[in-house]
Amino acid sequence: MNPEIRILDPGDQAILHNVAPGVFDDAVDPILVAEFLRDHRHHLAVAIDHGQVVGFASGVHYVHPDKPSEMWVNEVGVAPSHQGRGLAKAIMRTLLQHARRLGCREAWVLTDRSNSAAMGLYAATGGKEAPREQVMFTFFLDREDQNSRTG
C-alpha cells in the first residue's frame, strides 16, 4: 500500500499526533499545529503511511498589491525510513496542484546549492533554477540588534 498524500484541513490536527522521527526538525507543538491549520493561507501536504505522517511539504499562499497570487514553499521533509522512494516528489506535486487550485500563478522555494537532494527534487518537479545567485538575509526579531545600539 502506498502512503496517502493529502492536504490537511483545520480539523486534521490529530493527524499530526503520530509523526515519524526525522520528518520535522523539532517536535510538533499542538498549539502551533492548531494555529497553522486555522490560517487559510498556510498549507500542509502530508504523506501518511499506516496512520503515521512520514513526509510533508509546507507552503504559504500569499497575495501582493501588484502581483498575482504565489505559493512560497517553506520546507519539505521525509522520514529517513521513507527516503529514496519518490515520496518527496509526490508530496511536492500535491502541494503545487493545491497552489494551482488556489489560483497561484507561481510557486517558489529557496535552498542551498550544496543540498543536492533538494536541488534534485525541485528540478524533478518542474522548478527552474534562478538565472543569478540569490542572497538571503535573516532578521532575528527575538534579539536586540547589536549594531543599532547608540551610545
Foldseek 3Di string as FASTA:
>chain_A
DFWDKDKDALVCLVLLVAEDPFADPDRDDSVVSNVQRVDPQKIKIFTADPSYTFKIWIWGWDDDPPDWIEIETEDIGGHPVPPPPCPSLVRVLNVVVVCVVVVHPYYDYDDDPVPVVVVVSCVVNPHDDDPDDDDDDDDDPVDDDPVPDDD
